[in-house]
Amino acid sequence: MKSIFNILASLACALAFTACGGNDDAPVTTPAPEVVTKVDLAVGTGIEAITGDNVTVTYTGWLYDETKTENKGTQFDQRTAESPYTFPLGKGAVIAGWDQGVVGMRQGGKRRLVVPASLGYGATASEKIPANSKLVFEIEMLAIKR
């Protein structure tokens, strides 16, 4: 014979399950993955950069600000032709937004990237970049080496 305590505990569990929507037939929604927005300002010439290439670029990076022209808020970084940046494309050496956004660029090409926080620095602040920041970059492809 069950004690009143066991009966009440069973009833409480059943009610909790029902209240929490224990319907296995309910559709599960998954948010769409965030993507990098790419705008080619100049296409360039020659081969397209692909994963595994060593690429050399110049760039300027800004915090995204929807109230500013081209969404360019506070500038946080820049590399010029005097001190370009070289990295292996698609190998995780840079933020995921760059690994996605630089693919397909050609030498001499210029591209604007809008990088969501999830493909940038995420919830981690990095020097002049607050946590959860959307970013804007203008990148010029100087060289592609296979």
C-alpha atoms as a PDB file:
ATOM      1  CA  MET A   1       0.000   0.000   0.000  1.00  0.00           C
ATOM      2  CA  LYS A   2       1.355   3.362  -1.018  1.00  0.00           C
ATOM      3  CA  SER A   3       1.691   6.040   1.552  1.00  0.00           C
ATOM      4  CA  ILE A   4      -0.046   9.345   1.017  1.00  0.00           C
ATOM      5  CA  PHE A   5       3.420  10.900   0.611  1.00  0.00           C
ATOM      6  CA  ASN A   6       4.270   8.650  -2.393  1.00  0.00           C
ATOM      7  CA  ILE A   7       0.901   9.393  -4.007  1.00  0.00           C
ATOM      8  CA  LEU A   8       1.352  13.155  -3.573  1.00  0.00           C
ATOM      9  CA  ALA A   9       4.933  12.986  -4.882  1.00  0.00           C
ATOM     10  CA  SER A  10       3.779  11.085  -7.984  1.00  0.00           C
ATOM     11  CA  LEU A  11       0.998  13.603  -8.563  1.00  0.00           C
ATOM     12  CA  ALA A  12       3.417  16.541  -8.177  1.00  0.00           C
ATOM     13  CA  CYS A  13       5.803  15.024 -10.744  1.00  0.00           C
ATOM     14  CA  ALA A  14       2.973  14.464 -13.220  1.00  0.00           C
ATOM     15  CA  LEU A  15       1.762  18.037 -12.846  1.00  0.00           C
ATOM     16  CA  ALA A  16       5.278  19.418 -13.234  1.00  0.00           C
ATOM     17  CA  PHE A  17       5.803  17.414 -16.435  1.00  0.00           C
ATOM     18  CA  THR A  18       2.529  18.652 -17.893  1.00  0.00           C
ATOM     19  CA  ALA A  19       3.221  22.274 -16.928  1.00  0.00           C
ATOM     20  CA  CYS A  20       6.641  22.156 -18.569  1.00  0.00           C
ATOM     21  CA  GLY A  21       5.165  21.151 -21.902  1.00  0.00           C
ATOM     22  CA  GLY A  22       6.058  17.487 -21.954  1.00  0.00           C
ATOM     23  CA  ASN A  23       4.637  17.195 -25.484  1.00  0.00           C
ATOM     24  CA  ASP A  24       7.206  15.349 -27.585  1.00  0.00           C
ATOM     25  CA  ASP A  25       5.251  16.217 -30.739  1.00  0.00           C
ATOM     26  CA  ALA A  26       5.879  19.956 -30.393  1.00  0.00           C
ATOM     27  CA  PRO A  27       8.161  21.324 -33.144  1.00  0.00           C
ATOM     28  CA  VAL A  28      11.677  22.232 -32.101  1.00  0.00           C
ATOM     29  CA  THR A  29      12.906  25.511 -33.536  1.00  0.00           C
ATOM     30  CA  THR A  30      16.569  26.185 -33.989  1.00  0.00           C
ATOM     31  CA  PRO A  31      17.683  29.752 -34.641  1.00  0.00           C
ATOM     32  CA  ALA A  32      19.300  30.316 -38.025  1.00  0.00           C
ATOM     33  CA  PRO A  33      23.093  30.500 -37.851  1.00  0.00           C
ATOM     34  CA  GLU A  34      24.521  33.991 -38.062  1.00  0.00           C
ATOM     35  CA  VAL A  35      26.457  34.846 -41.183  1.00  0.00           C
ATOM     36  CA  VAL A  36      29.009  37.398 -42.290  1.00  0.00           C
ATOM     37  CA  THR A  37      27.673  40.086 -44.600  1.00  0.00           C
ATOM     38  CA  LYS A  38      30.077  40.653 -47.510  1.00  0.00           C
ATOM     39  CA  VAL A  39      30.112  43.616 -49.883  1.00  0.00           C
ATOM     40  CA  ASP A  40      32.752  43.753 -52.610  1.00  0.00           C
ATOM     41  CA  LEU A  41      33.969  47.333 -53.010  1.00  0.00           C
ATOM     42  CA  ALA A  42      36.438  46.257 -55.742  1.00  0.00           C
ATOM     43  CA  VAL A  43      36.759  42.719 -57.154  1.00  0.00           C
ATOM     44  CA  GLY A  44      40.484  42.482 -57.909  1.00  0.00           C
ATOM     45  CA  THR A  45      42.209  40.129 -60.359  1.00  0.00           C
ATOM     46  CA  GLY A  46      43.900  36.748 -60.408  1.00  0.00           C
ATOM     47  CA  ILE A  47      43.087  33.639 -58.407  1.00  0.00           C
ATOM     48  CA  GLU A  48      40.444  33.552 -55.693  1.00  0.00           C
ATOM     49  CA  ALA A  49      41.606  32.982 -52.130  1.00  0.00           C
ATOM     50  CA  ILE A  50      40.629  29.530 -50.837  1.00  0.00           C
ATOM     51  CA  THR A  51      40.979  27.708 -47.540  1.00  0.00           C
ATOM     52  CA  GLY A  52      44.626  26.860 -46.918  1.00  0.00           C
ATOM     53  CA  ASP A  53      46.081  29.837 -48.813  1.00  0.00           C
ATOM     54  CA  ASN A  54      48.384  32.237 -47.006  1.00  0.00           C
ATOM     55  CA  VAL A  55      46.902  35.663 -47.615  1.00  0.00           C
ATOM     56  CA  THR A  56      48.320  39.117 -46.984  1.00  0.00           C
ATOM     57  CA  VAL A  57      45.867  41.933 -46.336  1.00  0.00           C
ATOM     58  CA  THR A  58      45.485  45.456 -45.090  1.00  0.00           C
ATOM     59  CA  TYR A  59      42.402  46.305 -43.074  1.00  0.00           C
ATOM     60  CA  THR A  60      40.584  48.700 -40.809  1.00  0.00           C
ATOM     61  CA  GLY A  61      38.179  47.501 -38.124  1.00  0.00           C
ATOM     62  CA  TRP A  62      35.345  49.434 -36.470  1.00  0.00           C
ATOM     63  CA  LEU A  63      32.718  48.645 -33.866  1.00  0.00           C
ATOM     64  CA  TYR A  64      29.335  48.351 -35.594  1.00  0.00           C
ATOM     65  CA  ASP A  65      27.159  51.414 -34.997  1.00  0.00           C
ATOM     66  CA  GLU A  66      23.843  51.610 -36.836  1.00  0.00           C
ATOM     67  CA  THR A  67      23.724  55.392 -36.325  1.00  0.00           C
ATOM     68  CA  LYS A  68      26.962  55.994 -38.270  1.00  0.00           C
ATOM     69  CA  THR A  69      27.687  56.124 -42.008  1.00  0.00           C
ATOM     70  CA  GLU A  70      28.310  52.589 -43.309  1.00  0.00           C
ATOM     71  CA  ASN A  71      27.804  51.474 -39.673  1.00  0.00           C
ATOM     72  CA  LYS A  72      31.434  52.416 -38.894  1.00  0.00           C
ATOM     73  CA  GLY A  73      31.547  53.282 -35.212  1.00  0.00           C
ATOM     74  CA  THR A  74      34.723  53.570 -33.179  1.00  0.00           C
ATOM     75  CA  GLN A  75      37.833  52.374 -35.026  1.00  0.00           C
ATOM     76  CA  PHE A  76      39.663  49.725 -32.982  1.00  0.00           C
ATOM     77  CA  ASP A  77      42.394  48.435 -35.306  1.00  0.00           C
ATOM     78  CA  GLN A  78      44.196  49.060 -38.590  1.00  0.00           C
ATOM     79  CA  ARG A  79      46.954  47.505 -40.669  1.00  0.00           C
ATOM     80  CA  THR A  80      48.362  49.485 -43.595  1.00  0.00           C
ATOM     81  CA  ALA A  81      50.559  48.552 -46.568  1.00  0.00           C
ATOM     82  CA  GLU A  82      53.590  49.434 -44.421  1.00  0.00           C
ATOM     83  CA  SER A  83      52.635  46.700 -41.921  1.00  0.00           C
ATOM     84  CA  PRO A  84      50.247  44.262 -43.645  1.00  0.00           C
ATOM     85  CA  TYR A  85      48.833  41.172 -41.961  1.00  0.00           C
ATOM     86  CA  THR A  86      49.494  37.631 -43.269  1.00  0.00           C
ATOM     87  CA  PHE A  87      47.543  34.574 -42.096  1.00  0.00           C
ATOM     88  CA  PRO A  88      46.541  31.080 -43.244  1.00  0.00           C
ATOM     89  CA  LEU A  89      42.948  31.310 -44.490  1.00  0.00           C
ATOM     90  CA  GLY A  90      40.440  28.918 -42.951  1.00  0.00           C
ATOM     91  CA  LYS A  91      42.762  27.569 -40.269  1.00  0.00           C
ATOM     92  CA  GLY A  92      41.358  29.426 -37.245  1.00  0.00           C
ATOM     93  CA  ALA A  93      44.265  31.872 -37.037  1.00  0.00           C
ATOM     94  CA  VAL A  94      41.777  34.774 -37.189  1.00  0.00           C
ATOM     95  CA  ILE A  95      38.163  35.254 -36.123  1.00  0.00           C
ATOM     96  CA  ALA A  96      35.649  32.964 -37.848  1.00  0.00           C
ATOM     97  CA  GLY A  97      34.100  35.969 -39.608  1.00  0.00           C
ATOM     98  CA  TRP A  98      37.367  36.546 -41.449  1.00  0.00           C
ATOM     99  CA  ASP A  99      37.853  32.867 -42.307  1.00  0.00           C
ATOM    100  CA  GLN A 100      34.390  32.985 -43.909  1.00  0.00           C
ATOM    101  CA  GLY A 101      34.477  36.509 -45.316  1.00  0.00           C
ATOM    102  CA  VAL A 102      37.898  36.567 -47.004  1.00  0.00           C
ATOM    103  CA  VAL A 103      37.345  33.403 -49.055  1.00  0.00           C
ATOM    104  CA  GLY A 104      36.849  34.324 -52.701  1.00  0.00           C
ATOM    105  CA  MET A 105      38.720  37.619 -52.601  1.00  0.00           C
ATOM    106  CA  ARG A 106      41.237  38.304 -55.376  1.00  0.00           C
ATOM    107  CA  GLN A 107      44.488  40.285 -55.303  1.00  0.00           C
ATOM    108  CA  GLY A 108      43.678  44.002 -55.346  1.00  0.00           C
ATOM    109  CA  GLY A 109      40.129  43.301 -54.183  1.00  0.00           C
ATOM    110  CA  LYS A 110      38.493  45.308 -51.408  1.00  0.00           C
ATOM    111  CA  ARG A 111      35.651  43.935 -49.310  1.00  0.00           C
ATOM    112  CA  ARG A 112      33.530  45.194 -46.429  1.00  0.00           C
ATOM    113  CA  LEU A 113      32.574  42.580 -43.856  1.00  0.00           C
ATOM    114  CA  VAL A 114      29.928  42.951 -41.162  1.00  0.00           C
ATOM    115  CA  VAL A 115      30.726  40.286 -38.587  1.00  0.00           C
ATOM    116  CA  PRO A 116      28.187  39.268 -35.941  1.00  0.00           C
ATOM    117  CA  ALA A 117      29.552  38.861 -32.416  1.00  0.00           C
ATOM    118  CA  SER A 118      29.231  35.066 -32.616  1.00  0.00           C
ATOM    119  CA  LEU A 119      31.741  35.027 -35.502  1.00  0.00           C
ATOM    120  CA  GLY A 120      33.965  37.689 -33.942  1.00  0.00           C
ATOM    121  CA  TYR A 121      35.041  37.728 -30.310  1.00  0.00           C
ATOM    122  CA  GLY A 122      31.721  36.537 -28.859  1.00  0.00           C
ATOM    123  CA  ALA A 123      31.146  37.087 -25.154  1.00  0.00           C
ATOM    124  CA  THR A 124      34.848  37.775 -24.558  1.00  0.00           C
ATOM    125  CA  ALA A 125      36.106  41.355 -24.573  1.00  0.00           C
ATOM    126  CA  SER A 126      39.363  41.869 -26.476  1.00  0.00           C
ATOM    127  CA  GLU A 127      41.396  45.038 -25.868  1.00  0.00           C
ATOM    128  CA  LYS A 128      39.298  47.817 -27.481  1.00  0.00           C
ATOM    129  CA  ILE A 129      36.412  45.486 -28.406  1.00  0.00           C
ATOM    130  CA  PRO A 130      33.629  45.066 -25.823  1.00  0.00           C
ATOM    131  CA  ALA A 131      32.034  41.645 -25.344  1.00  0.00           C
ATOM    132  CA  ASN A 132      29.231  40.732 -27.775  1.00  0.00           C
ATOM    133  CA  SER A 133      30.267  43.366 -30.336  1.00  0.00           C
ATOM    134  CA  LYS A 134      29.215  43.314 -33.964  1.00  0.00           C
ATOM    135  CA  LEU A 135      32.147  44.468 -36.112  1.00  0.00           C
ATOM    136  CA  VAL A 136      32.783  46.135 -39.480  1.00  0.00           C
ATOM    137  CA  PHE A 137      35.978  45.542 -41.458  1.00  0.00           C
ATOM    138  CA  GLU A 138      37.264  46.869 -44.756  1.00  0.00           C
ATOM    139  CA  ILE A 139      39.884  44.495 -46.112  1.00  0.00           C
ATOM    140  CA  GLU A 140      42.173  44.815 -49.143  1.00  0.00           C
ATOM    141  CA  MET A 141      43.805  41.670 -50.524  1.00  0.00           C
ATOM    142  CA  LEU A 142      47.478  42.311 -51.270  1.00  0.00           C
ATOM    143  CA  ALA A 143      48.709  38.777 -51.998  1.00  0.00           C
ATOM    144  CA  ILE A 144      47.593  35.152 -52.131  1.00  0.00           C
ATOM    145  CA  LYS A 145      50.145  32.333 -51.817  1.00  0.00           C
ATOM    146  CA  ARG A 146      49.243  28.676 -52.370  1.00  0.00           C
END
